[in-house]
PDB file of N, CA and C in Angstrom:
ATOM      1  N   ALA A   1     -15.154  -1.649  98.673  1.00  0.00           N
ATOM      2  CA  ALA A   1     -15.689  -1.181  97.400  1.00  0.00           C
ATOM      3  C   ALA A   1     -16.113  -2.377  96.553  1.00  0.00           C
ATOM      4  N   LEU A   2     -17.158  -2.174  95.785  1.00  0.00           N
ATOM      5  CA  LEU A   2     -17.640  -3.225  94.897  1.00  0.00           C
ATOM      6  C   LEU A   2     -16.760  -3.321  93.665  1.00  0.00           C
ATOM      7  N   PRO A   3     -16.585  -4.512  93.116  1.00  0.00           N
ATOM      8  CA  PRO A   3     -15.791  -4.647  91.889  1.00  0.00           C
ATOM      9  C   PRO A   3     -16.490  -3.950  90.729  1.00  0.00           C
ATOM     10  N   THR A   4     -15.704  -3.387  89.819  1.00  0.00           N
ATOM     11  CA  THR A   4     -16.281  -2.702  88.662  1.00  0.00           C
ATOM     12  C   THR A   4     -16.550  -3.661  87.519  1.00  0.00           C
ATOM     13  N   ALA A   5     -15.878  -4.782  87.494  1.00  0.00           N
ATOM     14  CA  ALA A   5     -16.098  -5.791  86.449  1.00  0.00           C
ATOM     15  C   ALA A   5     -16.800  -6.993  87.077  1.00  0.00           C
ATOM     16  N   PRO A   6     -17.635  -7.677  86.312  1.00  0.00           N
ATOM     17  CA  PRO A   6     -18.329  -8.834  86.877  1.00  0.00           C
ATOM     18  C   PRO A   6     -17.351  -9.937  87.272  1.00  0.00           C
ATOM     19  N   ILE A   7     -17.657 -10.621  88.344  1.00  0.00           N
ATOM     20  CA  ILE A   7     -16.843 -11.736  88.811  1.00  0.00           C
ATOM     21  C   ILE A   7     -17.043 -12.935  87.889  1.00  0.00           C
ATOM     22  N   ALA A   8     -18.251 -13.105  87.398  1.00  0.00           N
ATOM     23  CA  ALA A   8     -18.625 -14.204  86.499  1.00  0.00           C
ATOM     24  C   ALA A   8     -19.718 -13.684  85.574  1.00  0.00           C
ATOM     25  N   PRO A   9     -19.987 -14.392  84.484  1.00  0.00           N
ATOM     26  CA  PRO A   9     -21.099 -13.972  83.626  1.00  0.00           C
ATOM     27  C   PRO A   9     -22.405 -13.977  84.428  1.00  0.00           C
ATOM     28  N   ILE A  10     -23.293 -13.068  84.089  1.00  0.00           N
ATOM     29  CA  ILE A  10     -24.565 -12.941  84.800  1.00  0.00           C
ATOM     30  C   ILE A  10     -25.707 -13.258  83.845  1.00  0.00           C
ATOM     31  N   ALA A  11     -26.572 -14.185  84.250  1.00  0.00           N
ATOM     32  CA  ALA A  11     -27.762 -14.533  83.474  1.00  0.00           C
ATOM     33  C   ALA A  11     -28.993 -14.094  84.257  1.00  0.00           C
ATOM     34  N   VAL A  12     -29.783 -13.207  83.664  1.00  0.00           N
ATOM     35  CA  VAL A  12     -31.044 -12.792  84.263  1.00  0.00           C
ATOM     36  C   VAL A  12     -32.131 -13.637  83.598  1.00  0.00           C
ATOM     37  N   ILE A  13     -32.712 -14.547  84.358  1.00  0.00           N
ATOM     38  CA  ILE A  13     -33.683 -15.502  83.828  1.00  0.00           C
ATOM     39  C   ILE A  13     -35.084 -14.905  83.894  1.00  0.00           C
ATOM     40  N   CYS A  14     -35.773 -14.921  82.753  1.00  0.00           N
ATOM     41  CA  CYS A  14     -37.113 -14.356  82.639  1.00  0.00           C
ATOM     42  C   CYS A  14     -38.043 -15.412  82.048  1.00  0.00           C
ATOM     43  N   LEU A  15     -39.126 -15.715  82.757  1.00  0.00           N
ATOM     44  CA  LEU A  15     -40.017 -16.780  82.304  1.00  0.00           C
ATOM     45  C   LEU A  15     -41.321 -16.284  81.690  1.00  0.00           C
ATOM     46  N   THR A  16     -41.613 -14.986  81.795  1.00  0.00           N
ATOM     47  CA  THR A  16     -42.848 -14.452  81.220  1.00  0.00           C
ATOM     48  C   THR A  16     -42.595 -13.098  80.564  1.00  0.00           C
ATOM     49  N   GLN A  17     -43.434 -12.765  79.613  1.00  0.00           N
ATOM     50  CA  GLN A  17     -43.341 -11.473  78.933  1.00  0.00           C
ATOM     51  C   GLN A  17     -43.555 -10.334  79.930  1.00  0.00           C
ATOM     52  N   ARG A  18     -44.427 -10.552  80.882  1.00  0.00           N
ATOM     53  CA  ARG A  18     -44.717  -9.523  81.885  1.00  0.00           C
ATOM     54  C   ARG A  18     -43.489  -9.191  82.740  1.00  0.00           C
ATOM     55  N   ALA A  19     -42.639 -10.168  82.970  1.00  0.00           N
ATOM     56  CA  ALA A  19     -41.434  -9.962  83.780  1.00  0.00           C
ATOM     57  C   ALA A  19     -40.276  -9.376  82.976  1.00  0.00           C
ATOM     58  N   LEU A  20     -40.422  -9.331  81.660  1.00  0.00           N
ATOM     59  CA  LEU A  20     -39.319  -8.906  80.797  1.00  0.00           C
ATOM     60  C   LEU A  20     -38.811  -7.489  81.081  1.00  0.00           C
ATOM     61  N   PRO A  21     -39.668  -6.476  81.272  1.00  0.00           N
ATOM     62  CA  PRO A  21     -39.134  -5.135  81.569  1.00  0.00           C
ATOM     63  C   PRO A  21     -38.253  -5.108  82.821  1.00  0.00           C
ATOM     64  N   THR A  22     -38.651  -5.850  83.842  1.00  0.00           N
ATOM     65  CA  THR A  22     -37.841  -5.913  85.067  1.00  0.00           C
ATOM     66  C   THR A  22     -36.515  -6.610  84.794  1.00  0.00           C
ATOM     67  N   ALA A  23     -36.558  -7.699  84.048  1.00  0.00           N
ATOM     68  CA  ALA A  23     -35.331  -8.425  83.709  1.00  0.00           C
ATOM     69  C   ALA A  23     -34.376  -7.543  82.911  1.00  0.00           C
ATOM     70  N   ARG A  24     -34.894  -6.797  81.939  1.00  0.00           N
ATOM     71  CA  ARG A  24     -34.053  -5.913  81.125  1.00  0.00           C
ATOM     72  C   ARG A  24     -33.455  -4.801  81.990  1.00  0.00           C
ATOM     73  N   LYS A  25     -34.247  -4.270  82.915  1.00  0.00           N
ATOM     74  CA  LYS A  25     -33.755  -3.205  83.802  1.00  0.00           C
ATOM     75  C   LYS A  25     -32.614  -3.726  84.684  1.00  0.00           C
ATOM     76  N   ILE A  26     -32.786  -4.905  85.229  1.00  0.00           N
ATOM     77  CA  ILE A  26     -31.736  -5.512  86.053  1.00  0.00           C
ATOM     78  C   ILE A  26     -30.479  -5.732  85.212  1.00  0.00           C
ATOM     79  N   ALA A  27     -30.643  -6.335  84.040  1.00  0.00           N
ATOM     80  CA  ALA A  27     -29.489  -6.637  83.178  1.00  0.00           C
ATOM     81  C   ALA A  27     -28.760  -5.369  82.749  1.00  0.00           C
ATOM     82  N   SER A  28     -29.508  -4.308  82.480  1.00  0.00           N
ATOM     83  CA  SER A  28     -28.856  -3.075  82.024  1.00  0.00           C
ATOM     84  C   SER A  28     -28.041  -2.411  83.130  1.00  0.00           C
ATOM     85  N   SER A  29     -28.353  -2.737  84.379  1.00  0.00           N
ATOM     86  CA  SER A  29     -27.611  -2.130  85.484  1.00  0.00           C
ATOM     87  C   SER A  29     -26.395  -2.960  85.908  1.00  0.00           C
ATOM     88  N   LEU A  30     -26.223  -4.131  85.312  1.00  0.00           N
ATOM     89  CA  LEU A  30     -25.110  -5.010  85.665  1.00  0.00           C
ATOM     90  C   LEU A  30     -24.224  -5.252  84.450  1.00  0.00           C
ATOM     91  N   GLN A  31     -22.982  -4.867  84.552  1.00  0.00           N
ATOM     92  CA  GLN A  31     -22.049  -5.009  83.438  1.00  0.00           C
ATOM     93  C   GLN A  31     -21.942  -6.466  83.000  1.00  0.00           C
ATOM     94  N   GLY A  32     -22.148  -6.702  81.726  1.00  0.00           N
ATOM     95  CA  GLY A  32     -21.988  -8.037  81.168  1.00  0.00           C
ATOM     96  C   GLY A  32     -23.162  -8.975  81.378  1.00  0.00           C
ATOM     97  N   ALA A  33     -24.261  -8.480  81.924  1.00  0.00           N
ATOM     98  CA  ALA A  33     -25.420  -9.342  82.156  1.00  0.00           C
ATOM     99  C   ALA A  33     -26.204  -9.552  80.869  1.00  0.00           C
ATOM    100  N   SER A  34     -26.812 -10.728  80.748  1.00  0.00           N
ATOM    101  CA  SER A  34     -27.659 -11.024  79.594  1.00  0.00           C
ATOM    102  C   SER A  34     -28.999 -11.557  80.085  1.00  0.00           C
ATOM    103  N   VAL A  35     -30.044 -11.271  79.301  1.00  0.00           N
ATOM    104  CA  VAL A  35     -31.388 -11.735  79.638  1.00  0.00           C
ATOM    105  C   VAL A  35     -31.643 -13.052  78.918  1.00  0.00           C
ATOM    106  N   HIS A  36     -32.040 -14.056  79.682  1.00  0.00           N
ATOM    107  CA  HIS A  36     -32.359 -15.376  79.150  1.00  0.00           C
ATOM    108  C   HIS A  36     -33.863 -15.569  79.302  1.00  0.00           C
ATOM    109  N   GLY A  37     -34.560 -15.839  78.199  1.00  0.00           N
ATOM    110  CA  GLY A  37     -36.009 -15.945  78.250  1.00  0.00           C
ATOM    111  C   GLY A  37     -36.544 -17.264  77.740  1.00  0.00           C
ATOM    112  N   LEU A  38     -37.627 -17.715  78.360  1.00  0.00           N
ATOM    113  CA  LEU A  38     -38.305 -18.944  77.956  1.00  0.00           C
ATOM    114  C   LEU A  38     -39.008 -18.708  76.621  1.00  0.00           C
ATOM    115  N   ARG A  39     -38.552 -19.416  75.604  1.00  0.00           N
ATOM    116  CA  ARG A  39     -38.980 -19.196  74.218  1.00  0.00           C
ATOM    117  C   ARG A  39     -40.502 -19.215  74.033  1.00  0.00           C
ATOM    118  N   THR A  40     -41.210 -20.056  74.752  1.00  0.00           N
ATOM    119  CA  THR A  40     -42.660 -20.163  74.569  1.00  0.00           C
ATOM    120  C   THR A  40     -43.446 -19.070  75.282  1.00  0.00           C
ATOM    121  N   ARG A  41     -42.765 -18.262  76.104  1.00  0.00           N
ATOM    122  CA  ARG A  41     -43.484 -17.250  76.886  1.00  0.00           C
ATOM    123  C   ARG A  41     -42.991 -15.826  76.710  1.00  0.00           C
ATOM    124  N   VAL A  42     -41.838 -15.645  76.084  1.00  0.00           N
ATOM    125  CA  VAL A  42     -41.334 -14.287  75.847  1.00  0.00           C
ATOM    126  C   VAL A  42     -41.019 -14.121  74.369  1.00  0.00           C
ATOM    127  N   SER A  43     -40.989 -12.885  73.941  1.00  0.00           N
ATOM    128  CA  SER A  43     -40.625 -12.594  72.556  1.00  0.00           C
ATOM    129  C   SER A  43     -39.123 -12.819  72.392  1.00  0.00           C
ATOM    130  N   VAL A  44     -38.755 -13.721  71.510  1.00  0.00           N
ATOM    131  CA  VAL A  44     -37.351 -14.090  71.314  1.00  0.00           C
ATOM    132  C   VAL A  44     -36.506 -12.879  70.930  1.00  0.00           C
ATOM    133  N   LYS A  45     -37.070 -11.935  70.212  1.00  0.00           N
ATOM    134  CA  LYS A  45     -36.305 -10.754  69.792  1.00  0.00           C
ATOM    135  C   LYS A  45     -35.975  -9.833  70.970  1.00  0.00           C
ATOM    136  N   ASP A  46     -36.647 -10.016  72.102  1.00  0.00           N
ATOM    137  CA  ASP A  46     -36.428  -9.155  73.262  1.00  0.00           C
ATOM    138  C   ASP A  46     -35.433  -9.715  74.275  1.00  0.00           C
ATOM    139  N   VAL A  47     -34.899 -10.906  74.023  1.00  0.00           N
ATOM    140  CA  VAL A  47     -33.951 -11.508  74.963  1.00  0.00           C
ATOM    141  C   VAL A  47     -32.617 -11.777  74.271  1.00  0.00           C
ATOM    142  N   ASP A  48     -31.583 -11.911  75.073  1.00  0.00           N
ATOM    143  CA  ASP A  48     -30.254 -12.209  74.528  1.00  0.00           C
ATOM    144  C   ASP A  48     -30.091 -13.699  74.251  1.00  0.00           C
ATOM    145  N   VAL A  49     -30.694 -14.521  75.100  1.00  0.00           N
ATOM    146  CA  VAL A  49     -30.615 -15.979  74.963  1.00  0.00           C
ATOM    147  C   VAL A  49     -32.020 -16.541  75.163  1.00  0.00           C
ATOM    148  N   ALA A  50     -32.489 -17.317  74.197  1.00  0.00           N
ATOM    149  CA  ALA A  50     -33.795 -17.972  74.328  1.00  0.00           C
ATOM    150  C   ALA A  50     -33.574 -19.453  74.629  1.00  0.00           C
ATOM    151  N   PHE A  51     -34.431 -20.017  75.468  1.00  0.00           N
ATOM    152  CA  PHE A  51     -34.309 -21.437  75.802  1.00  0.00           C
ATOM    153  C   PHE A  51     -35.685 -22.089  75.803  1.00  0.00           C
ATOM    154  N   ASP A  52     -35.701 -23.415  75.663  1.00  0.00           N
ATOM    155  CA  ASP A  52     -36.947 -24.177  75.597  1.00  0.00           C
ATOM    156  C   ASP A  52     -37.268 -24.923  76.889  1.00  0.00           C
ATOM    157  N   ASP A  53     -36.255 -25.383  77.589  1.00  0.00           N
ATOM    158  CA  ASP A  53     -36.439 -26.214  78.782  1.00  0.00           C
ATOM    159  C   ASP A  53     -35.827 -25.481  79.974  1.00  0.00           C
ATOM    160  N   THR A  54     -36.685 -24.997  80.866  1.00  0.00           N
ATOM    161  CA  THR A  54     -36.216 -24.161  81.978  1.00  0.00           C
ATOM    162  C   THR A  54     -35.226 -24.894  82.873  1.00  0.00           C
ATOM    163  N   ILE A  55     -35.572 -26.087  83.314  1.00  0.00           N
ATOM    164  CA  ILE A  55     -34.694 -26.820  84.232  1.00  0.00           C
ATOM    165  C   ILE A  55     -33.344 -27.114  83.582  1.00  0.00           C
ATOM    166  N   ALA A  56     -33.359 -27.615  82.365  1.00  0.00           N
ATOM    167  CA  ALA A  56     -32.103 -27.925  81.666  1.00  0.00           C
ATOM    168  C   ALA A  56     -31.271 -26.663  81.470  1.00  0.00           C
ATOM    169  N   HIS A  57     -31.923 -25.556  81.137  1.00  0.00           N
ATOM    170  CA  HIS A  57     -31.174 -24.315  80.918  1.00  0.00           C
ATOM    171  C   HIS A  57     -30.566 -23.807  82.226  1.00  0.00           C
ATOM    172  N   LEU A  58     -31.322 -23.869  83.304  1.00  0.00           N
ATOM    173  CA  LEU A  58     -30.776 -23.448  84.598  1.00  0.00           C
ATOM    174  C   LEU A  58     -29.596 -24.325  85.004  1.00  0.00           C
ATOM    175  N   GLN A  59     -29.708 -25.631  84.786  1.00  0.00           N
ATOM    176  CA  GLN A  59     -28.602 -26.535  85.116  1.00  0.00           C
ATOM    177  C   GLN A  59     -27.361 -26.205  84.297  1.00  0.00           C
ATOM    178  N   GLN A  60     -27.547 -25.992  82.996  1.00  0.00           N
ATOM    179  CA  GLN A  60     -26.413 -25.670  82.128  1.00  0.00           C
ATOM    180  C   GLN A  60     -25.796 -24.324  82.512  1.00  0.00           C
ATOM    181  N   THR A  61     -26.644 -23.348  82.779  1.00  0.00           N
ATOM    182  CA  THR A  61     -26.163 -22.012  83.139  1.00  0.00           C
ATOM    183  C   THR A  61     -25.387 -22.065  84.452  1.00  0.00           C
ATOM    184  N   PHE A  62     -25.913 -22.776  85.436  1.00  0.00           N
ATOM    185  CA  PHE A  62     -25.240 -22.935  86.721  1.00  0.00           C
ATOM    186  C   PHE A  62     -23.910 -23.666  86.548  1.00  0.00           C
ATOM    187  N   SER A  63     -23.918 -24.725  85.755  1.00  0.00           N
ATOM    188  CA  SER A  63     -22.696 -25.505  85.507  1.00  0.00           C
ATOM    189  C   SER A  63     -21.637 -24.712  84.758  1.00  0.00           C
ATOM    190  N   SER A  64     -22.069 -23.681  84.050  1.00  0.00           N
ATOM    191  CA  SER A  64     -21.142 -22.820  83.302  1.00  0.00           C
ATOM    192  C   SER A  64     -20.628 -21.669  84.154  1.00  0.00           C
ATOM    193  N   ASP A  65     -20.853 -21.768  85.468  1.00  0.00           N
ATOM    194  CA  ASP A  65     -20.361 -20.771  86.429  1.00  0.00           C
ATOM    195  C   ASP A  65     -20.932 -19.377  86.223  1.00  0.00           C
ATOM    196  N   HIS A  66     -22.189 -19.293  85.787  1.00  0.00           N
ATOM    197  CA  HIS A  66     -22.874 -18.003  85.687  1.00  0.00           C
ATOM    198  C   HIS A  66     -23.498 -17.654  87.037  1.00  0.00           C
ATOM    199  N   VAL A  67     -23.556 -16.377  87.326  1.00  0.00           N
ATOM    200  CA  VAL A  67     -24.403 -15.882  88.396  1.00  0.00           C
ATOM    201  C   VAL A  67     -25.817 -15.905  87.827  1.00  0.00           C
ATOM    202  N   ILE A  68     -26.786 -16.420  88.573  1.00  0.00           N
ATOM    203  CA  ILE A  68     -28.163 -16.508  88.089  1.00  0.00           C
ATOM    204  C   ILE A  68     -29.047 -15.591  88.920  1.00  0.00           C
ATOM    205  N   ILE A  69     -29.755 -14.706  88.231  1.00  0.00           N
ATOM    206  CA  ILE A  69     -30.757 -13.846  88.853  1.00  0.00           C
ATOM    207  C   ILE A  69     -32.082 -14.225  88.208  1.00  0.00           C
ATOM    208  N   GLY A  70     -33.036 -14.646  89.002  1.00  0.00           N
ATOM    209  CA  GLY A  70     -34.321 -15.071  88.456  1.00  0.00           C
ATOM    210  C   GLY A  70     -35.407 -14.047  88.683  1.00  0.00           C
ATOM    211  N   VAL A  71     -36.083 -13.660  87.605  1.00  0.00           N
ATOM    212  CA  VAL A  71     -37.277 -12.828  87.707  1.00  0.00           C
ATOM    213  C   VAL A  71     -38.435 -13.807  87.515  1.00  0.00           C
ATOM    214  N   CYS A  72     -38.743 -14.514  88.609  1.00  0.00           N
ATOM    215  CA  CYS A  72     -39.708 -15.609  88.556  1.00  0.00           C
ATOM    216  C   CYS A  72     -40.048 -16.000  89.990  1.00  0.00           C
ATOM    217  N   ALA A  73     -40.928 -16.971  90.131  1.00  0.00           N
ATOM    218  CA  ALA A  73     -41.209 -17.510  91.458  1.00  0.00           C
ATOM    219  C   ALA A  73     -39.946 -18.184  91.991  1.00  0.00           C
ATOM    220  N   SER A  74     -39.645 -18.003  93.245  1.00  0.00           N
ATOM    221  CA  SER A  74     -38.387 -18.514  93.799  1.00  0.00           C
ATOM    222  C   SER A  74     -38.290 -20.035  93.760  1.00  0.00           C
ATOM    223  N   GLY A  75     -39.394 -20.738  93.747  1.00  0.00           N
ATOM    224  CA  GLY A  75     -39.377 -22.195  93.735  1.00  0.00           C
ATOM    225  C   GLY A  75     -38.691 -22.796  92.526  1.00  0.00           C
ATOM    226  N   ILE A  76     -38.704 -22.100  91.395  1.00  0.00           N
ATOM    227  CA  ILE A  76     -38.085 -22.619  90.174  1.00  0.00           C
ATOM    228  C   ILE A  76     -36.563 -22.688  90.312  1.00  0.00           C
ATOM    229  N   LEU A  77     -35.990 -21.790  91.106  1.00  0.00           N
ATOM    230  CA  LEU A  77     -34.539 -21.762  91.257  1.00  0.00           C
ATOM    231  C   LEU A  77     -34.080 -22.739  92.318  1.00  0.00           C
TER     232      LEU A  77
END
């Protein structure tokens, strides 16, 4: 059986406004997940966490033991 509570915090990374509906749908289906969006490309009011530097944010998020789900090209991860 799958655990009912998240093992670690979950960050759904969204780099474009177009990807935002998919990111929100994923986050809403996972307990405790938050949407992290690139400030220059998504509406800040539509994300839980806004960031300016994608690489630095991914490094910090990974170092903070978050599960990372990317709604983006796989090469960025």
